[in-house]
Amino acid sequence: MLGNTLGKSSNWLLSILLFSVSFVVSANQDWSLEKEDEGISIYSRAVDYSNFREFRAEVTLETSIDSIIAVFQDPNSFTHWVHQCSSAEVIKQESFLDIYVYQVSDMPLLVSDRDIVIRDVYSYSKDFKKWSIDVQAVDNVLPETDKIRINNSNGIYNLHQQEDGTVKITWFQHADPAGALPSWLVNSLIVDFPFNTLSSLRELVKEEKYATAKIGYEDGVPTHWAVRNF
């Protein structure tokens, strides 16, 4: 019993620490507004370490954090909201807060399809009104396929429950699509991916199976789905 209690306390402290770091990292400025439409704002900026630009996307949804996380944890949903995603599956789950997902992206004509293994790590504030989902590409988890493997992708979703019951999402993402795609072409398409993704997410969270989802807690730590219909 003591070991379980210490383990849950360690997970709680780690999640709080990761959450705090995520908001410090995402506080940088120098963003240029690229698009503002349908309540979705897309910004981008150059980064010192890459020819590919980073984006920041913002939207406020009439939903709960539980519903958003339910969508994130249902790989069958990905093809319905993640732009250009053709398939996705969970390949490993360390815990409720640490999940590995394999994802395939269907690229436009004359461009090779991409695949990626993403590690999703969830962290949260003490009152559970703010969550962060750290999404990082990881390599050496699955063998290479006939797709071009993306090994350099870093992002974070910050979810903030508002006083009026809505949830504000701020999403940061930088990726190197690998292969021989020129940076000018990739940068010219940087708006479509986050805009279409968030637009589809806004509709998907309304579905009953996600809208009714409730996270379960043990000793104040999120560990399972108390209500899950997906």
C-alpha atoms as a PDB file:
ATOM      1  CA  MET A   1       0.000   0.000   0.000  1.00  0.00           C
ATOM      2  CA  LEU A   2       2.826   2.407   0.863  1.00  0.00           C
ATOM      3  CA  GLY A   3       4.552   1.646  -2.429  1.00  0.00           C
ATOM      4  CA  ASN A   4       1.382   2.390  -4.400  1.00  0.00           C
ATOM      5  CA  THR A   5       0.888   5.636  -2.484  1.00  0.00           C
ATOM      6  CA  LEU A   6       4.451   6.737  -3.119  1.00  0.00           C
ATOM      7  CA  GLY A   7       4.132   5.814  -6.797  1.00  0.00           C
ATOM      8  CA  LYS A   8       0.974   7.861  -7.231  1.00  0.00           C
ATOM      9  CA  SER A   9       2.546  10.788  -5.360  1.00  0.00           C
ATOM     10  CA  SER A  10       5.596  10.638  -7.629  1.00  0.00           C
ATOM     11  CA  ASN A  11       3.396  10.622 -10.726  1.00  0.00           C
ATOM     12  CA  TRP A  12       1.414  13.574  -9.375  1.00  0.00           C
ATOM     13  CA  LEU A  13       4.574  15.596  -8.649  1.00  0.00           C
ATOM     14  CA  LEU A  14       6.060  14.755 -12.059  1.00  0.00           C
ATOM     15  CA  SER A  15       2.874  15.834 -13.845  1.00  0.00           C
ATOM     16  CA  ILE A  16       2.795  19.133 -11.951  1.00  0.00           C
ATOM     17  CA  LEU A  17       6.479  19.750 -12.786  1.00  0.00           C
ATOM     18  CA  LEU A  18       6.013  18.950 -16.481  1.00  0.00           C
ATOM     19  CA  PHE A  19       2.956  21.191 -16.590  1.00  0.00           C
ATOM     20  CA  SER A  20       4.897  24.134 -15.120  1.00  0.00           C
ATOM     21  CA  VAL A  21       7.780  23.676 -17.559  1.00  0.00           C
ATOM     22  CA  SER A  22       5.426  23.515 -20.552  1.00  0.00           C
ATOM     23  CA  PHE A  23       4.034  26.973 -19.859  1.00  0.00           C
ATOM     24  CA  VAL A  24       7.508  28.465 -19.367  1.00  0.00           C
ATOM     25  CA  VAL A  25       8.729  27.033 -22.685  1.00  0.00           C
ATOM     26  CA  SER A  26       5.680  28.269 -24.598  1.00  0.00           C
ATOM     27  CA  ALA A  27       5.937  31.849 -23.351  1.00  0.00           C
ATOM     28  CA  ASN A  28       8.264  33.032 -26.148  1.00  0.00           C
ATOM     29  CA  GLN A  29       7.110  35.785 -28.539  1.00  0.00           C
ATOM     30  CA  ASP A  30       7.909  36.925 -32.125  1.00  0.00           C
ATOM     31  CA  TRP A  31       4.844  35.348 -33.724  1.00  0.00           C
ATOM     32  CA  SER A  32       3.260  36.482 -37.005  1.00  0.00           C
ATOM     33  CA  LEU A  33      -0.500  36.102 -37.482  1.00  0.00           C
ATOM     34  CA  GLU A  34      -1.112  33.929 -40.569  1.00  0.00           C
ATOM     35  CA  LYS A  35      -4.873  33.351 -40.421  1.00  0.00           C
ATOM     36  CA  GLU A  36      -7.818  34.250 -38.216  1.00  0.00           C
ATOM     37  CA  ASP A  37     -11.138  32.729 -39.192  1.00  0.00           C
ATOM     38  CA  GLU A  38     -14.045  30.821 -37.627  1.00  0.00           C
ATOM     39  CA  GLY A  39     -12.671  31.532 -34.149  1.00  0.00           C
ATOM     40  CA  ILE A  40      -9.334  29.888 -34.958  1.00  0.00           C
ATOM     41  CA  SER A  41      -6.088  31.878 -34.967  1.00  0.00           C
ATOM     42  CA  ILE A  42      -2.884  30.551 -36.573  1.00  0.00           C
ATOM     43  CA  TYR A  43       0.524  32.145 -35.975  1.00  0.00           C
ATOM     44  CA  SER A  44       3.995  31.146 -37.177  1.00  0.00           C
ATOM     45  CA  ARG A  45       7.589  32.107 -36.540  1.00  0.00           C
ATOM     46  CA  ALA A  46      11.100  31.208 -37.682  1.00  0.00           C
ATOM     47  CA  VAL A  47      13.298  29.130 -35.383  1.00  0.00           C
ATOM     48  CA  ASP A  48      17.085  29.217 -35.162  1.00  0.00           C
ATOM     49  CA  TYR A  49      17.582  25.474 -35.410  1.00  0.00           C
ATOM     50  CA  SER A  50      15.546  24.703 -38.552  1.00  0.00           C
ATOM     51  CA  ASN A  51      14.483  25.980 -41.970  1.00  0.00           C
ATOM     52  CA  PHE A  52      10.929  24.943 -41.140  1.00  0.00           C
ATOM     53  CA  ARG A  53       8.705  27.367 -39.273  1.00  0.00           C
ATOM     54  CA  GLU A  54       6.925  26.665 -35.993  1.00  0.00           C
ATOM     55  CA  PHE A  55       3.204  27.352 -35.602  1.00  0.00           C
ATOM     56  CA  ARG A  56       0.934  28.340 -32.742  1.00  0.00           C
ATOM     57  CA  ALA A  57      -2.792  27.691 -33.058  1.00  0.00           C
ATOM     58  CA  GLU A  58      -5.527  28.934 -30.739  1.00  0.00           C
ATOM     59  CA  VAL A  59      -9.227  28.152 -30.423  1.00  0.00           C
ATOM     60  CA  THR A  60     -11.870  28.120 -27.689  1.00  0.00           C
ATOM     61  CA  LEU A  61     -14.281  25.169 -27.692  1.00  0.00           C
ATOM     62  CA  GLU A  62     -17.629  24.679 -25.975  1.00  0.00           C
ATOM     63  CA  THR A  63     -16.653  21.405 -24.341  1.00  0.00           C
ATOM     64  CA  SER A  64     -14.787  19.974 -21.357  1.00  0.00           C
ATOM     65  CA  ILE A  65     -11.150  19.010 -20.929  1.00  0.00           C
ATOM     66  CA  ASP A  66     -12.302  15.425 -20.336  1.00  0.00           C
ATOM     67  CA  SER A  67     -13.971  15.354 -23.757  1.00  0.00           C
ATOM     68  CA  ILE A  68     -10.888  16.683 -25.524  1.00  0.00           C
ATOM     69  CA  ILE A  69      -8.630  14.141 -23.827  1.00  0.00           C
ATOM     70  CA  ALA A  70     -11.108  11.398 -24.733  1.00  0.00           C
ATOM     71  CA  VAL A  71     -10.646  12.273 -28.409  1.00  0.00           C
ATOM     72  CA  PHE A  72      -6.861  12.302 -27.982  1.00  0.00           C
ATOM     73  CA  GLN A  73      -6.934   8.860 -26.356  1.00  0.00           C
ATOM     74  CA  ASP A  74      -9.140   7.276 -29.016  1.00  0.00           C
ATOM     75  CA  PRO A  75      -6.895   6.395 -31.976  1.00  0.00           C
ATOM     76  CA  ASN A  76      -9.982   5.521 -34.027  1.00  0.00           C
ATOM     77  CA  SER A  77     -10.876   9.220 -33.953  1.00  0.00           C
ATOM     78  CA  PHE A  78      -7.656  10.451 -35.551  1.00  0.00           C
ATOM     79  CA  THR A  79      -8.752  10.037 -39.157  1.00  0.00           C
ATOM     80  CA  HIS A  80     -11.765  12.224 -38.367  1.00  0.00           C
ATOM     81  CA  TRP A  81      -9.910  15.230 -36.983  1.00  0.00           C
ATOM     82  CA  VAL A  82      -6.117  15.135 -37.543  1.00  0.00           C
ATOM     83  CA  HIS A  83      -5.551  16.681 -40.959  1.00  0.00           C
ATOM     84  CA  GLN A  84      -4.366  14.121 -43.565  1.00  0.00           C
ATOM     85  CA  CYS A  85      -4.183  11.273 -41.027  1.00  0.00           C
ATOM     86  CA  SER A  86      -5.101   7.988 -42.757  1.00  0.00           C
ATOM     87  CA  SER A  87      -4.585   5.600 -39.811  1.00  0.00           C
ATOM     88  CA  ALA A  88      -3.509   5.538 -36.171  1.00  0.00           C
ATOM     89  CA  GLU A  89      -3.099   2.975 -33.414  1.00  0.00           C
ATOM     90  CA  VAL A  90      -1.854   2.845 -29.842  1.00  0.00           C
ATOM     91  CA  ILE A  91       1.292   0.685 -29.793  1.00  0.00           C
ATOM     92  CA  LYS A  92       2.219   1.074 -26.133  1.00  0.00           C
ATOM     93  CA  GLN A  93       0.650   2.556 -23.022  1.00  0.00           C
ATOM     94  CA  GLU A  94       2.872   3.091 -20.003  1.00  0.00           C
ATOM     95  CA  SER A  95       0.054   4.655 -17.998  1.00  0.00           C
ATOM     96  CA  PHE A  96      -3.068   6.769 -18.383  1.00  0.00           C
ATOM     97  CA  LEU A  97      -0.733   9.757 -18.784  1.00  0.00           C
ATOM     98  CA  ASP A  98       1.911   8.232 -21.087  1.00  0.00           C
ATOM     99  CA  ILE A  99       0.873   6.760 -24.447  1.00  0.00           C
ATOM    100  CA  TYR A 100       2.675   5.873 -27.702  1.00  0.00           C
ATOM    101  CA  VAL A 101       0.745   6.219 -30.962  1.00  0.00           C
ATOM    102  CA  TYR A 102       1.732   5.154 -34.483  1.00  0.00           C
ATOM    103  CA  GLN A 103       0.239   7.460 -37.111  1.00  0.00           C
ATOM    104  CA  VAL A 104       0.260   7.516 -40.931  1.00  0.00           C
ATOM    105  CA  SER A 105      -0.327  10.694 -42.954  1.00  0.00           C
ATOM    106  CA  ASP A 106      -1.713  10.556 -46.478  1.00  0.00           C
ATOM    107  CA  MET A 107       0.222  13.191 -48.402  1.00  0.00           C
ATOM    108  CA  PRO A 108      -0.819  15.004 -51.607  1.00  0.00           C
ATOM    109  CA  LEU A 109      -0.132  13.613 -55.075  1.00  0.00           C
ATOM    110  CA  LEU A 110       3.581  13.178 -55.928  1.00  0.00           C
ATOM    111  CA  VAL A 111       4.574  13.416 -52.242  1.00  0.00           C
ATOM    112  CA  SER A 112       5.414  10.219 -50.347  1.00  0.00           C
ATOM    113  CA  ASP A 113       3.241   9.331 -47.369  1.00  0.00           C
ATOM    114  CA  ARG A 114       4.723   9.899 -43.919  1.00  0.00           C
ATOM    115  CA  ASP A 115       4.528   7.913 -40.715  1.00  0.00           C
ATOM    116  CA  ILE A 116       5.502   8.759 -37.158  1.00  0.00           C
ATOM    117  CA  VAL A 117       5.581   7.306 -33.666  1.00  0.00           C
ATOM    118  CA  ILE A 118       4.366   9.913 -31.187  1.00  0.00           C
ATOM    119  CA  ARG A 119       4.700   9.809 -27.418  1.00  0.00           C
ATOM    120  CA  ASP A 120       1.883  11.685 -25.671  1.00  0.00           C
ATOM    121  CA  VAL A 121       2.679  12.723 -22.092  1.00  0.00           C
ATOM    122  CA  TYR A 122      -0.093  14.384 -20.076  1.00  0.00           C
ATOM    123  CA  SER A 123       0.442  16.838 -17.206  1.00  0.00           C
ATOM    124  CA  TYR A 124      -1.949  19.037 -15.244  1.00  0.00           C
ATOM    125  CA  SER A 125      -2.341  21.770 -12.655  1.00  0.00           C
ATOM    126  CA  LYS A 126      -3.299  21.084  -9.045  1.00  0.00           C
ATOM    127  CA  ASP A 127      -6.925  22.065  -9.643  1.00  0.00           C
ATOM    128  CA  PHE A 128      -7.092  20.092 -12.965  1.00  0.00           C
ATOM    129  CA  LYS A 129      -8.331  23.185 -14.812  1.00  0.00           C
ATOM    130  CA  LYS A 130      -5.160  23.331 -16.902  1.00  0.00           C
ATOM    131  CA  TRP A 131      -3.692  20.378 -18.754  1.00  0.00           C
ATOM    132  CA  SER A 132      -0.800  20.030 -21.176  1.00  0.00           C
ATOM    133  CA  ILE A 133      -0.280  17.242 -23.690  1.00  0.00           C
ATOM    134  CA  ASP A 134       3.351  16.995 -24.778  1.00  0.00           C
ATOM    135  CA  VAL A 135       3.577  15.294 -28.195  1.00  0.00           C
ATOM    136  CA  GLN A 136       7.048  14.204 -29.293  1.00  0.00           C
ATOM    137  CA  ALA A 137       8.252  12.023 -32.146  1.00  0.00           C
ATOM    138  CA  VAL A 138      10.290   9.063 -30.922  1.00  0.00           C
ATOM    139  CA  ASP A 139      12.509   6.745 -32.939  1.00  0.00           C
ATOM    140  CA  ASN A 140      13.729   3.172 -32.491  1.00  0.00           C
ATOM    141  CA  VAL A 141      10.278   2.060 -31.354  1.00  0.00           C
ATOM    142  CA  LEU A 142       8.986   0.518 -34.593  1.00  0.00           C
ATOM    143  CA  PRO A 143      10.886  -0.732 -37.666  1.00  0.00           C
ATOM    144  CA  GLU A 144      10.949   1.524 -40.725  1.00  0.00           C
ATOM    145  CA  THR A 145       8.175   0.986 -43.283  1.00  0.00           C
ATOM    146  CA  ASP A 146       7.707   1.953 -46.938  1.00  0.00           C
ATOM    147  CA  LYS A 147       6.604   5.373 -45.644  1.00  0.00           C
ATOM    148  CA  ILE A 148       9.028   8.204 -44.896  1.00  0.00           C
ATOM    149  CA  ARG A 149       9.509   8.211 -41.130  1.00  0.00           C
ATOM    150  CA  ILE A 150       9.289  11.548 -39.297  1.00  0.00           C
ATOM    151  CA  ASN A 151      11.679  11.506 -36.353  1.00  0.00           C
ATOM    152  CA  ASN A 152      11.798  15.215 -35.581  1.00  0.00           C
ATOM    153  CA  SER A 153       8.498  16.625 -34.374  1.00  0.00           C
ATOM    154  CA  ASN A 154       7.827  18.475 -31.132  1.00  0.00           C
ATOM    155  CA  GLY A 155       4.559  19.941 -29.952  1.00  0.00           C
ATOM    156  CA  ILE A 156       2.391  20.744 -26.982  1.00  0.00           C
ATOM    157  CA  TYR A 157      -1.317  21.310 -26.478  1.00  0.00           C
ATOM    158  CA  ASN A 158      -2.215  23.569 -23.551  1.00  0.00           C
ATOM    159  CA  LEU A 159      -5.816  23.152 -22.407  1.00  0.00           C
ATOM    160  CA  HIS A 160      -7.326  25.750 -20.064  1.00  0.00           C
ATOM    161  CA  GLN A 161     -10.835  25.416 -18.633  1.00  0.00           C
ATOM    162  CA  GLN A 162     -12.416  28.878 -18.674  1.00  0.00           C
ATOM    163  CA  GLU A 163     -14.811  30.317 -16.098  1.00  0.00           C
ATOM    164  CA  ASP A 164     -17.698  30.118 -18.598  1.00  0.00           C
ATOM    165  CA  GLY A 165     -17.166  26.376 -19.040  1.00  0.00           C
ATOM    166  CA  THR A 166     -15.397  26.552 -22.385  1.00  0.00           C
ATOM    167  CA  VAL A 167     -11.858  25.298 -23.002  1.00  0.00           C
ATOM    168  CA  LYS A 168      -9.123  27.360 -24.619  1.00  0.00           C
ATOM    169  CA  ILE A 169      -6.604  25.335 -26.622  1.00  0.00           C
ATOM    170  CA  THR A 170      -3.177  26.744 -27.434  1.00  0.00           C
ATOM    171  CA  TRP A 171      -1.197  24.373 -29.641  1.00  0.00           C
ATOM    172  CA  PHE A 172       2.496  24.768 -30.458  1.00  0.00           C
ATOM    173  CA  GLN A 173       4.147  22.558 -33.075  1.00  0.00           C
ATOM    174  CA  HIS A 174       7.412  22.294 -34.973  1.00  0.00           C
ATOM    175  CA  ALA A 175       8.241  19.427 -37.299  1.00  0.00           C
ATOM    176  CA  ASP A 176      10.732  18.408 -39.937  1.00  0.00           C
ATOM    177  CA  PRO A 177       8.701  16.371 -42.478  1.00  0.00           C
ATOM    178  CA  ALA A 178      11.840  14.467 -43.550  1.00  0.00           C
ATOM    179  CA  GLY A 179      12.574  13.478 -47.116  1.00  0.00           C
ATOM    180  CA  ALA A 180      13.378  15.979 -49.856  1.00  0.00           C
ATOM    181  CA  LEU A 181      10.552  18.479 -49.400  1.00  0.00           C
ATOM    182  CA  PRO A 182      11.811  22.078 -49.766  1.00  0.00           C
ATOM    183  CA  SER A 183      11.307  24.283 -46.730  1.00  0.00           C
ATOM    184  CA  TRP A 184       9.553  27.017 -48.736  1.00  0.00           C
ATOM    185  CA  LEU A 185       6.860  24.528 -49.793  1.00  0.00           C
ATOM    186  CA  VAL A 186       6.336  23.163 -46.288  1.00  0.00           C
ATOM    187  CA  ASN A 187       6.222  26.659 -44.796  1.00  0.00           C
ATOM    188  CA  SER A 188       3.633  27.734 -47.346  1.00  0.00           C
ATOM    189  CA  LEU A 189       1.308  24.973 -46.108  1.00  0.00           C
ATOM    190  CA  ILE A 190       1.828  25.542 -42.395  1.00  0.00           C
ATOM    191  CA  VAL A 191      -1.639  27.079 -41.892  1.00  0.00           C
ATOM    192  CA  ASP A 192      -3.784  24.270 -43.340  1.00  0.00           C
ATOM    193  CA  PHE A 193      -2.699  21.531 -40.942  1.00  0.00           C
ATOM    194  CA  PRO A 194      -3.537  23.233 -37.622  1.00  0.00           C
ATOM    195  CA  PHE A 195      -6.587  25.075 -38.966  1.00  0.00           C
ATOM    196  CA  ASN A 196      -8.261  21.997 -40.440  1.00  0.00           C
ATOM    197  CA  THR A 197      -7.302  19.881 -37.430  1.00  0.00           C
ATOM    198  CA  LEU A 198      -8.824  22.246 -34.862  1.00  0.00           C
ATOM    199  CA  SER A 199     -11.874  22.848 -37.018  1.00  0.00           C
ATOM    200  CA  SER A 200     -12.561  19.094 -37.140  1.00  0.00           C
ATOM    201  CA  LEU A 201     -11.808  18.672 -33.431  1.00  0.00           C
ATOM    202  CA  ARG A 202     -14.433  21.289 -32.595  1.00  0.00           C
ATOM    203  CA  GLU A 203     -17.105  19.190 -34.292  1.00  0.00           C
ATOM    204  CA  LEU A 204     -15.900  15.816 -33.008  1.00  0.00           C
ATOM    205  CA  VAL A 205     -15.987  16.678 -29.293  1.00  0.00           C
ATOM    206  CA  LYS A 206     -19.730  17.253 -29.652  1.00  0.00           C
ATOM    207  CA  GLU A 207     -20.352  13.562 -30.313  1.00  0.00           C
ATOM    208  CA  GLU A 208     -22.036  11.889 -27.335  1.00  0.00           C
ATOM    209  CA  LYS A 209     -19.326   9.263 -26.816  1.00  0.00           C
ATOM    210  CA  TYR A 210     -16.768  12.023 -26.200  1.00  0.00           C
ATOM    211  CA  ALA A 211     -19.075  14.611 -24.629  1.00  0.00           C
ATOM    212  CA  THR A 212     -20.035  12.135 -21.875  1.00  0.00           C
ATOM    213  CA  ALA A 213     -16.502  10.878 -21.135  1.00  0.00           C
ATOM    214  CA  LYS A 214     -15.261  11.390 -17.574  1.00  0.00           C
ATOM    215  CA  ILE A 215     -11.741  10.912 -16.244  1.00  0.00           C
ATOM    216  CA  GLY A 216     -11.433   8.774 -13.115  1.00  0.00           C
ATOM    217  CA  TYR A 217      -9.101   9.596 -10.215  1.00  0.00           C
ATOM    218  CA  GLU A 218      -7.377   7.576  -7.523  1.00  0.00           C
ATOM    219  CA  ASP A 219      -5.940   9.495  -4.564  1.00  0.00           C
ATOM    220  CA  GLY A 220      -6.213  12.692  -6.590  1.00  0.00           C
ATOM    221  CA  VAL A 221      -4.333  11.277  -9.590  1.00  0.00           C
ATOM    222  CA  PRO A 222      -5.988  10.710 -13.023  1.00  0.00           C
ATOM    223  CA  THR A 223      -5.612   6.994 -13.699  1.00  0.00           C
ATOM    224  CA  HIS A 224      -8.508   5.738 -15.825  1.00  0.00           C
ATOM    225  CA  TRP A 225     -11.797   6.523 -17.553  1.00  0.00           C
ATOM    226  CA  ALA A 226     -14.700   6.583 -15.100  1.00  0.00           C
ATOM    227  CA  VAL A 227     -17.108   6.930 -18.047  1.00  0.00           C
ATOM    228  CA  ARG A 228     -15.931   5.666 -21.416  1.00  0.00           C
ATOM    229  CA  ASN A 229     -18.140   4.998 -24.434  1.00  0.00           C
ATOM    230  CA  PHE A 230     -15.487   5.214 -27.157  1.00  0.00           C
END
